[in-house]
Amino acid sequence: MSVFISVLCAAAMGLLTYNLINAIISTAHHGKLLGDKFNSSFAVLRIASGTSLIFPVIKGYCLAQVIVLTAAVGGGQLAN
């Protein structure tokens, strides 16, 4: 499981790096913060929440997996 999380983190960091470089280039081209494509008020919030969801937090599981697992266990308990 830790290999999967490591690969997921590496892929996410690659996408984050690509989007940040794209945002910097767009800022330089259009002269506005984050250019025309990005909503600057929520960009930082989305980046922070997205990255925090994929880092291992509890026993090697990332927070997104813990949320889904909790929802699945809760759904199973409601069904019984």
Protein backbone atom coordinates (compact mmCIF):
# COMPACT_ATOMS: atom_id res chain seq x y z
CA MET A 1 0.00 0.00 0.00
CA SER A 2 2.84 2.40 0.74
CA VAL A 3 4.19 2.01 -2.82
CA PHE A 4 0.77 2.97 -4.21
CA ILE A 5 0.61 6.07 -1.99
CA SER A 6 4.18 7.02 -2.97
CA VAL A 7 3.37 6.73 -6.67
CA LEU A 8 0.16 8.69 -6.15
CA CYS A 9 2.06 11.46 -4.33
CA ALA A 10 4.70 11.59 -7.06
CA ALA A 11 2.06 11.84 -9.78
CA ALA A 12 0.19 14.53 -7.86
CA MET A 13 3.37 16.53 -7.33
CA GLY A 14 4.08 16.27 -11.06
CA LEU A 15 0.62 17.60 -11.88
CA LEU A 16 0.95 20.32 -9.25
CA THR A 17 4.29 21.40 -10.68
CA TYR A 18 2.86 21.47 -14.21
CA ASN A 19 -0.14 23.55 -13.12
CA LEU A 20 2.00 25.98 -11.12
CA ILE A 21 4.35 26.52 -14.07
CA ASN A 22 1.32 26.95 -16.33
CA ALA A 23 -0.15 29.52 -13.91
CA ILE A 24 3.13 31.45 -13.75
CA ILE A 25 3.40 31.55 -17.53
CA SER A 26 -0.25 32.61 -17.80
CA THR A 27 0.36 35.39 -15.26
CA ALA A 28 3.31 36.66 -17.28
CA HIS A 29 1.35 36.50 -20.52
CA HIS A 30 -1.93 38.14 -19.40
CA GLY A 31 -0.57 40.45 -16.70
CA LYS A 32 -3.17 39.32 -14.14
CA LEU A 33 -2.65 37.06 -11.14
CA LEU A 34 -2.95 33.44 -12.38
CA GLY A 35 -4.06 34.66 -15.80
CA ASP A 36 -7.58 34.25 -17.18
CA LYS A 37 -8.04 30.51 -16.64
CA PHE A 38 -7.64 30.29 -12.86
CA ASN A 39 -9.87 31.71 -10.13
CA SER A 40 -7.31 33.29 -7.84
CA SER A 41 -9.53 33.35 -4.75
CA PHE A 42 -9.89 29.56 -4.60
CA ALA A 43 -6.64 28.43 -6.25
CA VAL A 44 -4.62 28.33 -3.03
CA LEU A 45 -7.44 26.58 -1.16
CA ARG A 46 -7.78 23.91 -3.85
CA ILE A 47 -4.03 23.32 -3.97
CA ALA A 48 -3.74 23.03 -0.19
CA SER A 49 -6.77 20.76 0.24
CA GLY A 50 -5.86 18.57 -2.72
CA THR A 51 -2.32 18.00 -1.54
CA SER A 52 -3.33 17.37 2.04
CA LEU A 53 -5.75 14.65 0.93
CA ILE A 54 -3.07 12.49 -0.71
CA PHE A 55 -0.31 12.41 1.90
CA PRO A 56 -0.22 9.40 4.24
CA VAL A 57 -1.72 10.33 7.59
CA ILE A 58 -3.11 7.32 9.45
CA LYS A 59 -1.14 4.03 9.35
CA GLY A 60 0.03 4.65 5.79
CA TYR A 61 -3.38 5.54 4.41
CA CYS A 62 -4.03 8.95 2.93
CA LEU A 63 -6.86 11.13 4.17
CA ALA A 64 -8.95 10.55 1.02
CA GLN A 65 -8.82 6.78 1.60
CA VAL A 66 -9.76 7.24 5.26
CA ILE A 67 -12.79 9.36 4.28
CA VAL A 68 -13.99 6.78 1.74
CA LEU A 69 -13.39 3.91 4.18
CA THR A 70 -15.32 5.71 6.92
CA ALA A 71 -18.22 6.35 4.53
CA ALA A 72 -18.23 2.69 3.46
CA VAL A 73 -18.20 1.43 7.05
CA GLY A 74 -20.95 3.88 7.97
CA GLY A 75 -23.03 2.79 5.00
CA GLY A 76 -22.60 -0.85 5.99
CA GLN A 77 -23.70 -0.08 9.51
CA LEU A 78 -26.77 1.79 8.24
CA ALA A 79 -27.69 -1.18 6.06
CA ASN A 80 -27.67 -3.52 9.05
